[in-house]
Amino acid sequence: MRVNEDIGVIGRLWLRVESLVNRNSGVPAPSGAGRELNPFYCLGAIGVFFLWVILFSGLYLFIFYRISATEAYASVERITHVQWYLGGVMRSLHRYASDGLVAVTVIHGLRHLALKRHANWRWVAWVSGVLTSVMVIAGGVFGYLMVWDEKAKLIAVYSSKLLEEAPFFGIPVGLTFALSENLTDQFFYIVLFIHFSSIIVIFMAVWIHLSRITKAMITPPKEVIYGLAFLLLLAAFVRPAVSDKAAELGHLVGNVSIDWFYMFLYPLMGHISPAWTIAVVVGAVFFVSVIPWVYRPRQNPTPSVAPDNCTGCELCREDCPYAAIKMVERKDASGYSLLASVMPERCASCGICAGACDYSAINLPGFAEEALKAEIKAFSSELVVNDTGILVFLCKKSADIKDKINGDGSIKGYASARVVELPCIGMLQPAMIDMAIDSGVPGVLAVGCRQGDCSFRTGNSWLNQRILMTRPPVVRRGIKRARIRTLWLSATETKGFFDGIERFRQDLSAGVKDD
């Protein structure tokens, strides 16, 4: 049974780009257990890093900012030029971290869309991500208003035209900016309140975004943090953020610089009416929000729990990457106090919970444990006669070799290898590895997604830890680890698969299994 639709041409192109980054960023080899440093694998965490930079730099700037119609611009100028060595740097960090947040948010969303990681059980993360993006843009726009230069005036004038078209405003808001005497300190207090409130709403949206994710990565690897900090500081010193001319309300808006990360909408208003602009924005947000239901990959069946076998050990709940398993109170005569229960609306049908269960208590339709073990037993009997026989456990999201697998499970060009396919390599039970080795199979090869980029978040990491005996259930201590090998590959790294299996075959031929 084949599961999970192919990621398509766009997804494959995306993975090829990431493979290039892997090859040129000092990333550990596919067979290693090291942490991946590819920034594409921690885009969400990079976004959180930018949020912290924005928050702390913003608090520093607020200390010296004057909330006044007559002093707002002058106070920003003092921060930028008189205190350039710190205040000016902080302003630049605030600006470039904000731009970086927009960029990484867009890339993060496009990546999940390209790799089809946006729908079904992930819809909450997607919709909350859209909300976060909207709040990021809104917060940035109000941040520009606080400077009150010509750019801020342009934003204010065009924004007021939009508000006049909104159904909940009945007065010509644009008149507020027609005369300088209409601009009061109250305006800047409102702007400041909205700007600061936006960061609170953004953090709340991020909390919702992560609410159905266990053990979420919210901090990038330290090497990535150092690299980002260097780039932000470099930008701050090479091209510091500065203001345009002070806003003059009695004059037309002149030529101003455009920050396309936040002001992309305003040039559009020079070609269409404010009403149509609102319609375009609302329509775009709505369309992006409903993508999980319009472009929805097929979801696999949900696993079931066998109450008679469940011991309430909670390992399945601990290992579930999407908080889809809860433990409920048990009142039967089993002697156990807890029973695992699967929440279908959150379940990814990845099988990681089955990989964590040593008691045959969880059954994933299409991948029943008894059927898998029968397949392992049958393949093992065919492999023991060859000193270089290899039993491959292959994640269906990893290296795409489906055209190379024969009907009997063998691989074209490798008659001494057999393949057992799994929805996620995290479904591989240590007991299955034990069974294969005990049956006399010379070598077991587990092939999963790149470390740091498991399609189901944690499957490859959990298996790696089970083999290393740092996470239960574990591969039996007495089994020689030289007979077990792992490969971490994306769907486009087919060559890496064949290179890896060839190296393993050669090592087995040289007598590794007897070491």
Protein backbone atom coordinates (compact mmCIF):
# COMPACT_ATOMS: atom_id res chain seq x y z
CA MET A 1 0.00 0.00 0.00
CA ARG A 2 1.42 3.36 -1.00
CA VAL A 3 0.67 6.37 1.14
CA ASN A 4 1.27 10.11 0.90
CA GLU A 5 0.90 11.81 -2.44
CA ASP A 6 4.01 12.79 -4.33
CA ILE A 7 5.22 16.28 -3.47
CA GLY A 8 5.13 17.28 -7.13
CA VAL A 9 7.46 19.26 -9.37
CA ILE A 10 7.51 22.40 -7.24
CA GLY A 11 8.23 20.41 -4.08
CA ARG A 12 11.06 18.56 -5.79
CA LEU A 13 12.61 21.79 -7.04
CA TRP A 14 12.41 23.18 -3.52
CA LEU A 15 14.15 20.13 -2.07
CA ARG A 16 16.89 20.36 -4.70
CA VAL A 17 17.60 23.93 -3.62
CA GLU A 18 17.79 22.78 -0.01
CA SER A 19 20.15 19.98 -1.01
CA LEU A 20 22.47 22.58 -2.53
CA VAL A 21 22.38 24.50 0.75
CA ASN A 22 23.20 21.30 2.62
CA ARG A 23 26.21 20.63 0.43
CA ASN A 24 27.56 24.15 0.91
CA SER A 25 26.84 24.80 4.60
CA GLY A 26 28.93 22.23 6.39
CA VAL A 27 25.90 20.07 7.09
CA PRO A 28 26.66 16.58 8.49
CA ALA A 29 26.67 13.69 6.03
CA PRO A 30 23.32 11.97 5.35
CA SER A 31 24.48 8.97 7.35
CA GLY A 32 25.41 11.05 10.38
CA ALA A 33 23.34 11.77 13.45
CA GLY A 34 24.46 15.38 13.74
CA ARG A 35 22.19 18.39 13.83
CA GLU A 36 21.36 19.95 10.48
CA LEU A 37 22.32 23.63 10.09
CA ASN A 38 20.27 24.32 6.97
CA PRO A 39 18.28 27.52 7.78
CA PHE A 40 15.36 26.17 5.73
CA TYR A 41 14.90 23.55 8.46
CA CYS A 42 14.33 26.14 11.21
CA LEU A 43 12.46 28.99 9.51
CA GLY A 44 9.86 29.16 12.26
CA ALA A 45 12.54 29.38 14.95
CA ILE A 46 14.33 32.08 12.95
CA GLY A 47 11.07 34.04 12.91
CA VAL A 48 10.84 33.77 16.71
CA PHE A 49 14.47 34.96 16.94
CA PHE A 50 13.59 38.02 14.86
CA LEU A 51 10.60 38.66 17.14
CA TRP A 52 12.86 38.77 20.19
CA VAL A 53 15.25 41.17 18.43
CA ILE A 54 12.28 43.38 17.50
CA LEU A 55 10.92 43.31 21.04
CA PHE A 56 14.15 44.16 22.88
CA SER A 57 15.35 46.75 20.38
CA GLY A 58 11.87 48.30 20.41
CA LEU A 59 11.88 48.57 24.20
CA TYR A 60 15.23 50.33 24.07
CA LEU A 61 14.02 52.79 21.44
CA PHE A 62 10.88 53.49 23.47
CA ILE A 63 12.98 54.77 26.38
CA PHE A 64 14.17 57.73 24.28
CA TYR A 65 11.09 58.20 22.08
CA ARG A 66 8.87 61.25 22.67
CA ILE A 67 5.14 60.67 22.23
CA SER A 68 4.37 64.07 20.83
CA ALA A 69 3.18 65.62 17.58
CA THR A 70 5.99 68.18 17.77
CA GLU A 71 8.79 65.98 19.13
CA ALA A 72 8.27 62.51 17.64
CA TYR A 73 10.40 63.12 14.55
CA ALA A 74 13.11 65.02 16.46
CA SER A 75 13.40 62.28 19.10
CA VAL A 76 13.90 59.63 16.41
CA GLU A 77 16.58 61.79 14.80
CA ARG A 78 18.40 62.13 18.13
CA ILE A 79 18.26 58.37 18.62
CA THR A 80 19.57 57.79 15.10
CA HIS A 81 22.33 60.38 14.86
CA VAL A 82 23.28 61.69 18.31
CA GLN A 83 23.29 58.21 19.84
CA TRP A 84 24.29 56.44 16.62
CA TYR A 85 26.70 54.06 18.38
CA LEU A 86 23.80 52.38 20.23
CA GLY A 87 20.47 54.03 19.53
CA GLY A 88 21.15 54.16 15.80
CA VAL A 89 22.26 50.52 15.81
CA MET A 90 19.15 49.53 17.77
CA ARG A 91 16.94 51.32 15.27
CA SER A 92 18.64 49.51 12.39
CA LEU A 93 18.34 46.16 14.16
CA HIS A 94 14.65 46.89 14.75
CA ARG A 95 14.16 47.74 11.08
CA TYR A 96 16.10 44.87 9.54
CA ALA A 97 14.79 42.27 11.98
CA SER A 98 11.27 43.41 11.01
CA ASP A 99 12.08 43.02 7.32
CA GLY A 100 13.65 39.65 8.06
CA LEU A 101 10.52 38.56 9.91
CA VAL A 102 8.35 39.32 6.87
CA ALA A 103 10.73 37.51 4.55
CA VAL A 104 11.08 34.41 6.72
CA THR A 105 7.31 34.25 7.31
CA VAL A 106 6.63 34.25 3.56
CA ILE A 107 9.35 31.66 2.85
CA HIS A 108 8.09 29.50 5.74
CA GLY A 109 4.58 29.48 4.29
CA LEU A 110 5.71 28.85 0.72
CA ARG A 111 7.92 25.96 1.86
CA HIS A 112 5.08 24.23 3.66
CA LEU A 113 2.82 24.76 0.66
CA ALA A 114 5.40 23.42 -1.79
CA LEU A 115 6.08 20.34 0.34
CA LYS A 116 2.35 19.80 1.04
CA ARG A 117 2.73 20.31 4.78
CA HIS A 118 -0.15 22.73 5.18
CA ALA A 119 -3.46 20.84 5.27
CA ASN A 120 -5.47 18.24 7.17
CA TRP A 121 -4.20 18.09 10.77
CA ARG A 122 -1.96 21.13 10.08
CA TRP A 123 -4.79 23.55 9.28
CA VAL A 124 -4.63 25.28 12.69
CA ALA A 125 -0.93 26.05 12.17
CA TRP A 126 -1.64 27.37 8.66
CA VAL A 127 -4.55 29.66 9.59
CA SER A 128 -2.77 31.00 12.67
CA GLY A 129 0.27 31.58 10.46
CA VAL A 130 -1.85 33.73 8.14
CA LEU A 131 -3.10 35.69 11.17
CA THR A 132 0.48 36.16 12.34
CA SER A 133 1.50 37.46 8.91
CA VAL A 134 -1.34 40.01 8.86
CA MET A 135 -0.42 41.26 12.33
CA VAL A 136 3.26 41.50 11.41
CA ILE A 137 2.41 43.75 8.44
CA ALA A 138 -0.02 45.86 10.47
CA GLY A 139 2.44 46.26 13.34
CA GLY A 140 5.21 47.30 10.95
CA VAL A 141 3.02 49.89 9.22
CA PHE A 142 2.15 51.51 12.56
CA GLY A 143 5.82 51.41 13.49
CA TYR A 144 6.61 53.58 10.47
CA LEU A 145 3.93 56.08 11.57
CA MET A 146 5.82 56.66 14.84
CA VAL A 147 8.75 58.19 12.94
CA TRP A 148 6.47 60.82 11.37
CA ASP A 149 8.56 61.60 8.32
CA GLU A 150 7.37 61.90 4.73
CA LYS A 151 7.10 58.15 4.46
CA ALA A 152 4.89 58.07 7.56
CA LYS A 153 2.71 60.83 6.10
CA LEU A 154 2.29 58.84 2.89
CA ILE A 155 1.21 55.81 4.93
CA ALA A 156 -1.16 57.93 7.02
CA VAL A 157 -2.83 59.58 4.03
CA TYR A 158 -3.35 56.36 2.08
CA SER A 159 -4.38 54.41 5.18
CA SER A 160 -6.99 57.03 6.04
CA LYS A 161 -8.46 56.64 2.55
CA LEU A 162 -8.76 52.91 3.16
CA LEU A 163 -10.44 53.49 6.51
CA GLU A 164 -12.95 55.86 4.93
CA GLU A 165 -14.06 53.01 2.67
CA ALA A 166 -14.37 50.53 5.52
CA PRO A 167 -18.04 49.94 6.49
CA PHE A 168 -17.43 50.58 10.20
CA PHE A 169 -16.12 54.15 9.64
CA GLY A 170 -18.66 56.82 8.79
CA ILE A 171 -16.51 59.97 8.81
CA PRO A 172 -13.81 61.20 6.45
CA VAL A 173 -10.77 60.11 8.41
CA GLY A 174 -8.50 61.75 5.85
CA LEU A 175 -9.49 65.18 7.18
CA THR A 176 -7.41 64.39 10.28
CA PHE A 177 -4.27 64.87 8.23
CA ALA A 178 -5.43 67.82 6.16
CA LEU A 179 -4.29 70.49 8.62
CA SER A 180 -1.35 70.42 11.00
CA GLU A 181 -3.48 71.68 13.86
CA ASN A 182 -5.56 68.49 13.63
CA LEU A 183 -2.52 66.35 14.46
CA THR A 184 -2.42 65.90 18.23
CA ASP A 185 -0.43 63.92 20.74
CA GLN A 186 -3.43 61.62 21.04
CA PHE A 187 -2.73 60.35 17.53
CA PHE A 188 0.76 59.21 18.53
CA TYR A 189 -0.53 57.57 21.71
CA ILE A 190 -2.99 55.56 19.60
CA VAL A 191 -0.27 54.62 17.12
CA LEU A 192 2.08 53.59 19.91
CA PHE A 193 -0.64 51.52 21.59
CA ILE A 194 -1.47 49.67 18.37
CA HIS A 195 2.21 49.14 17.55
CA PHE A 196 2.97 47.66 20.97
CA SER A 197 -0.28 45.67 21.03
CA SER A 198 0.59 44.06 17.71
CA ILE A 199 3.64 42.32 19.17
CA ILE A 200 1.46 40.88 21.95
CA VAL A 201 -1.09 39.61 19.42
CA ILE A 202 1.74 38.18 17.31
CA PHE A 203 3.10 36.19 20.25
CA MET A 204 -0.43 34.96 21.01
CA ALA A 205 -0.83 33.90 17.37
CA VAL A 206 2.52 32.10 17.55
CA TRP A 207 1.28 30.28 20.67
CA ILE A 208 -1.81 29.13 18.74
CA HIS A 209 0.47 28.24 15.82
CA LEU A 210 2.39 25.84 18.08
CA SER A 211 -0.57 24.61 20.14
CA ARG A 212 -0.84 21.31 18.27
CA ILE A 213 2.88 20.71 18.07
CA THR A 214 4.90 18.94 20.74
CA LYS A 215 8.51 19.84 21.46
CA ALA A 216 8.44 22.65 18.91
CA MET A 217 11.73 24.22 17.88
CA ILE A 218 11.56 27.88 18.93
CA THR A 219 15.30 28.54 19.05
CA PRO A 220 17.53 28.09 15.99
CA PRO A 221 20.87 26.28 16.33
CA LYS A 222 23.46 28.60 17.86
CA GLU A 223 25.43 28.66 14.60
CA VAL A 224 22.37 30.03 12.79
CA ILE A 225 21.82 32.61 15.55
CA TYR A 226 25.42 33.80 15.25
CA GLY A 227 25.09 34.07 11.48
CA LEU A 228 21.84 36.05 11.69
CA ALA A 229 23.24 38.36 14.38
CA PHE A 230 26.28 39.05 12.20
CA LEU A 231 24.12 39.85 9.16
CA LEU A 232 21.86 42.18 11.17
CA LEU A 233 24.84 44.06 12.63
CA LEU A 234 26.51 44.22 9.23
CA ALA A 235 23.39 45.77 7.71
CA ALA A 236 23.12 48.19 10.66
CA PHE A 237 26.63 49.54 10.08
CA VAL A 238 26.82 49.34 6.29
CA ARG A 239 23.36 50.78 5.61
CA PRO A 240 21.88 52.20 8.82
CA ALA A 241 18.16 52.92 8.95
CA VAL A 242 17.43 56.64 8.63
CA SER A 243 14.36 58.83 8.28
CA ASP A 244 13.10 60.78 5.30
CA LYS A 245 12.39 64.50 5.66
CA ALA A 246 10.08 65.55 8.48
CA ALA A 247 6.41 65.33 7.50
CA GLU A 248 4.76 68.59 6.45
CA LEU A 249 1.00 68.19 6.55
CA GLY A 250 0.25 71.29 4.56
CA HIS A 251 2.12 69.97 1.52
CA LEU A 252 1.70 67.12 -0.90
CA VAL A 253 3.70 63.98 -0.28
CA GLY A 254 6.98 64.14 -2.21
CA ASN A 255 9.26 61.36 -3.33
CA VAL A 256 9.86 58.90 -0.51
CA SER A 257 11.76 55.65 -0.15
CA ILE A 258 9.63 52.51 -0.07
CA ASP A 259 10.12 49.56 2.25
CA TRP A 260 8.60 46.89 0.01
CA PHE A 261 8.39 44.43 2.90
CA TYR A 262 5.66 46.53 4.53
CA MET A 263 4.55 49.12 1.98
CA PHE A 264 3.90 46.85 -1.01
CA LEU A 265 0.20 47.70 -0.89
CA TYR A 266 0.45 51.49 -1.24
CA PRO A 267 1.77 51.70 -4.83
CA LEU A 268 -1.27 49.62 -5.81
CA MET A 269 -3.53 52.41 -4.58
CA GLY A 270 -2.16 54.66 -7.27
CA HIS A 271 -3.86 52.44 -9.86
CA ILE A 272 -7.07 51.26 -8.19
CA SER A 273 -9.60 52.83 -5.84
CA PRO A 274 -9.41 52.38 -2.04
CA ALA A 275 -12.57 50.25 -2.17
CA TRP A 276 -10.99 47.87 -4.67
CA THR A 277 -7.80 47.82 -2.62
CA ILE A 278 -9.77 46.65 0.41
CA ALA A 279 -11.50 44.03 -1.72
CA VAL A 280 -8.14 42.76 -3.01
CA VAL A 281 -6.64 42.57 0.50
CA VAL A 282 -9.65 40.85 2.06
CA GLY A 283 -9.92 38.46 -0.88
CA ALA A 284 -6.21 37.61 -0.75
CA VAL A 285 -6.26 36.93 3.00
CA PHE A 286 -9.39 34.80 2.66
CA PHE A 287 -7.97 32.82 -0.26
CA VAL A 288 -4.69 32.10 1.52
CA SER A 289 -6.57 31.12 4.69
CA VAL A 290 -8.71 28.49 2.94
CA ILE A 291 -5.85 26.89 0.98
CA PRO A 292 -5.79 23.87 3.39
CA TRP A 293 -9.32 23.00 2.23
CA VAL A 294 -8.90 23.93 -1.46
CA TYR A 295 -5.49 22.27 -1.99
CA ARG A 296 -5.78 19.28 0.31
CA PRO A 297 -3.54 16.21 -0.07
CA ARG A 298 -5.09 12.85 0.73
CA GLN A 299 -4.89 11.90 4.40
CA ASN A 300 -4.20 8.36 5.55
CA PRO A 301 -6.41 6.38 7.95
CA THR A 302 -6.18 7.07 11.68
CA PRO A 303 -4.63 4.41 13.94
CA SER A 304 -6.72 2.58 16.50
CA VAL A 305 -5.87 1.51 20.04
CA ALA A 306 -6.29 -2.09 21.26
CA PRO A 307 -7.37 -1.63 24.91
CA ASP A 308 -6.45 -5.22 25.85
CA ASN A 309 -2.80 -4.57 24.92
CA CYS A 310 -2.37 -0.99 26.20
CA THR A 311 -0.40 -0.68 29.46
CA GLY A 312 -0.81 3.08 29.79
CA CYS A 313 2.96 3.62 29.61
CA GLU A 314 2.46 7.00 27.84
CA LEU A 315 5.36 6.51 25.43
CA CYS A 316 3.03 6.96 22.45
CA ARG A 317 1.79 10.27 23.86
CA GLU A 318 5.34 11.44 24.53
CA ASP A 319 6.47 10.62 20.99
CA CYS A 320 3.45 11.91 19.06
CA PRO A 321 4.63 15.02 17.17
CA TYR A 322 1.20 16.64 16.97
CA ALA A 323 -0.28 16.09 20.45
CA ALA A 324 -2.82 13.72 18.90
CA ILE A 325 -2.78 11.17 21.75
CA LYS A 326 -4.22 11.72 25.19
CA MET A 327 -4.30 9.39 28.14
CA VAL A 328 -7.75 8.75 29.60
CA GLU A 329 -8.65 7.22 32.93
CA ARG A 330 -9.21 3.49 32.83
CA LYS A 331 -11.88 1.78 34.92
CA ASP A 332 -11.76 -1.82 33.69
CA ALA A 333 -10.21 -4.89 35.28
CA SER A 334 -6.93 -4.65 33.35
CA GLY A 335 -4.97 -3.39 36.35
CA TYR A 336 -3.72 -0.34 34.45
CA SER A 337 -4.85 3.17 35.29
CA LEU A 338 -4.48 4.86 31.88
CA LEU A 339 -5.48 4.10 28.31
CA ALA A 340 -4.18 5.79 25.16
CA SER A 341 -6.79 7.54 23.01
CA VAL A 342 -6.19 8.97 19.51
CA MET A 343 -7.73 12.33 18.53
CA PRO A 344 -8.47 11.92 14.77
CA GLU A 345 -8.62 15.67 14.07
CA ARG A 346 -5.00 16.03 15.16
CA CYS A 347 -3.62 12.73 13.91
CA ALA A 348 -1.12 12.68 11.03
CA SER A 349 -1.33 8.89 10.56
CA CYS A 350 2.47 8.82 10.61
CA GLY A 351 2.74 5.68 12.76
CA ILE A 352 5.27 7.19 15.15
CA CYS A 353 3.04 6.16 18.05
CA ALA A 354 3.18 2.54 16.86
CA GLY A 355 6.97 2.77 16.74
CA ALA A 356 6.95 3.79 20.40
CA CYS A 357 4.74 0.87 21.47
CA ASP A 358 6.24 -2.47 22.45
CA TYR A 359 2.87 -4.05 23.26
CA SER A 360 1.04 -4.17 19.90
CA ALA A 361 -1.48 -1.71 21.30
CA ILE A 362 -1.63 0.66 18.32
CA ASN A 363 -2.63 -0.42 14.83
CA LEU A 364 -2.25 1.79 11.75
CA PRO A 365 -4.57 0.65 8.92
CA GLY A 366 -2.55 -0.59 5.97
CA PHE A 367 0.50 -1.11 8.19
CA ALA A 368 -0.71 -3.59 10.78
CA GLU A 369 2.10 -4.72 13.06
CA GLU A 370 1.43 -8.41 12.43
CA ALA A 371 1.58 -7.91 8.66
CA LEU A 372 4.81 -5.92 8.88
CA LYS A 373 6.47 -8.53 11.07
CA ALA A 374 5.34 -11.28 8.71
CA GLU A 375 6.91 -9.35 5.84
CA ILE A 376 10.13 -8.90 7.83
CA LYS A 377 10.23 -12.61 8.60
CA ALA A 378 9.69 -13.55 4.95
CA PHE A 379 12.35 -11.14 3.70
CA SER A 380 14.78 -12.25 6.39
CA SER A 381 14.57 -15.87 5.26
CA GLU A 382 15.59 -14.71 1.77
CA LEU A 383 18.49 -12.54 2.97
CA VAL A 384 20.28 -14.83 5.43
CA VAL A 385 21.77 -16.87 2.58
CA ASN A 386 23.81 -13.86 1.43
CA ASP A 387 26.65 -12.34 3.47
CA THR A 388 25.75 -8.89 2.17
CA GLY A 389 21.98 -9.17 2.55
CA ILE A 390 20.38 -5.91 3.65
CA LEU A 391 16.86 -5.32 4.94
CA VAL A 392 15.89 -1.72 4.18
CA PHE A 393 13.24 0.11 6.18
CA LEU A 394 12.29 3.05 3.98
CA CYS A 395 10.29 6.14 4.90
CA LYS A 396 7.93 6.96 2.02
CA LYS A 397 8.81 10.64 2.38
CA SER A 398 12.53 9.99 2.07
CA ALA A 399 14.53 8.99 -1.05
CA ASP A 400 12.09 8.29 -3.88
CA ILE A 401 13.06 4.88 -5.27
CA LYS A 402 9.57 3.57 -5.98
CA ASP A 403 10.50 2.95 -9.63
CA LYS A 404 13.44 0.82 -8.45
CA ILE A 405 11.49 -1.52 -6.17
CA ASN A 406 10.38 -4.82 -7.68
CA GLY A 407 7.15 -6.56 -6.80
CA ASP A 408 8.95 -8.98 -4.46
CA GLY A 409 10.46 -6.11 -2.43
CA SER A 410 13.91 -6.39 -3.99
CA ILE A 411 15.74 -3.42 -5.48
CA LYS A 412 16.76 -3.32 -9.12
CA GLY A 413 20.49 -3.96 -9.22
CA TYR A 414 20.55 -5.18 -5.60
CA ALA A 415 19.09 -8.68 -5.49
CA SER A 416 20.41 -9.14 -1.95
CA ALA A 417 18.31 -6.27 -0.56
CA ARG A 418 14.63 -6.11 0.42
CA VAL A 419 12.55 -3.03 1.19
CA VAL A 420 9.87 -2.57 3.86
CA GLU A 421 8.08 0.75 3.31
CA LEU A 422 6.71 2.80 6.21
CA PRO A 423 4.78 6.10 6.29
CA CYS A 424 7.50 7.51 8.56
CA ILE A 425 10.76 5.95 9.73
CA GLY A 426 9.63 6.78 13.27
CA MET A 427 7.14 3.88 12.92
CA LEU A 428 10.03 1.41 12.90
CA GLN A 429 9.89 -0.47 16.18
CA PRO A 430 13.24 -1.47 17.72
CA ALA A 431 11.72 -4.95 18.09
CA MET A 432 11.50 -5.15 14.30
CA ILE A 433 15.22 -4.43 14.01
CA ASP A 434 15.90 -7.04 16.70
CA MET A 435 13.78 -9.55 14.79
CA ALA A 436 15.67 -9.03 11.54
CA ILE A 437 19.11 -9.31 13.17
CA ASP A 438 18.05 -12.35 15.23
CA SER A 439 16.85 -14.00 12.01
CA GLY A 440 20.37 -13.74 10.63
CA VAL A 441 20.01 -10.75 8.31
CA PRO A 442 23.56 -9.37 7.90
CA GLY A 443 22.55 -5.71 7.91
CA VAL A 444 19.58 -3.44 8.58
CA LEU A 445 19.39 -0.03 6.88
CA ALA A 446 16.89 2.58 8.11
CA VAL A 447 16.27 5.39 5.61
CA GLY A 448 14.39 8.49 6.71
CA CYS A 449 14.09 12.20 5.99
CA ARG A 450 16.94 14.60 6.61
CA GLN A 451 17.73 15.16 10.28
CA GLY A 452 15.96 18.37 11.22
CA ASP A 453 13.45 18.03 8.40
CA CYS A 454 11.32 14.97 9.10
CA SER A 455 8.03 15.29 7.23
CA PHE A 456 6.37 14.41 10.53
CA ARG A 457 8.79 16.52 12.57
CA THR A 458 10.41 14.01 14.93
CA GLY A 459 10.24 10.50 13.46
CA ASN A 460 13.87 10.31 12.35
CA SER A 461 15.17 11.81 15.59
CA TRP A 462 13.22 9.36 17.75
CA LEU A 463 14.46 6.35 15.76
CA ASN A 464 18.03 7.57 15.94
CA GLN A 465 17.74 7.89 19.73
CA ARG A 466 16.16 4.44 20.03
CA ILE A 467 19.10 2.91 18.15
CA LEU A 468 21.51 4.80 20.41
CA MET A 469 19.51 3.61 23.45
CA THR A 470 18.75 7.13 24.70
CA ARG A 471 14.98 6.95 24.12
CA PRO A 472 12.68 4.03 24.90
CA PRO A 473 11.90 1.61 23.48
CA VAL A 474 15.47 0.79 22.47
CA VAL A 475 17.24 -1.64 20.18
CA ARG A 476 18.51 -4.51 22.31
CA ARG A 477 21.91 -3.80 23.83
CA GLY A 478 23.48 -7.08 22.68
CA ILE A 479 22.98 -6.32 18.98
CA LYS A 480 26.11 -5.00 17.25
CA ARG A 481 25.41 -1.47 16.04
CA ALA A 482 27.76 -2.01 13.08
CA ARG A 483 25.00 -4.16 11.58
CA ILE A 484 22.56 -1.24 11.79
CA ARG A 485 22.97 1.81 9.61
CA THR A 486 20.91 4.95 9.05
CA LEU A 487 20.57 7.24 6.05
CA TRP A 488 18.84 10.64 6.23
CA LEU A 489 17.79 11.79 2.77
CA SER A 490 15.20 14.02 1.13
CA ALA A 491 12.87 12.71 -1.58
CA THR A 492 15.18 13.98 -4.34
CA GLU A 493 18.38 12.39 -3.01
CA THR A 494 17.98 9.06 -4.77
CA LYS A 495 21.68 8.88 -5.62
CA GLY A 496 22.50 9.24 -1.93
CA PHE A 497 20.39 6.17 -1.24
CA PHE A 498 22.25 3.97 -3.70
CA ASP A 499 25.62 5.34 -2.60
CA GLY A 500 24.71 4.54 1.00
CA ILE A 501 23.48 1.02 0.35
CA GLU A 502 26.56 0.30 -1.75
CA ARG A 503 28.89 1.47 1.04
CA PHE A 504 26.98 -0.67 3.53
CA ARG A 505 27.16 -3.70 1.23
CA GLN A 506 30.92 -3.26 0.87
CA ASP A 507 31.36 -2.96 4.63
CA LEU A 508 29.34 -6.12 5.19
CA SER A 509 31.41 -7.89 2.56
CA ALA A 510 34.55 -6.83 4.46
CA GLY A 511 33.23 -8.54 7.57
CA VAL A 512 31.69 -5.65 9.54
CA LYS A 513 28.90 -7.84 10.91
CA ASP A 514 31.44 -9.96 12.78
CA ASP A 515 33.22 -7.02 14.46
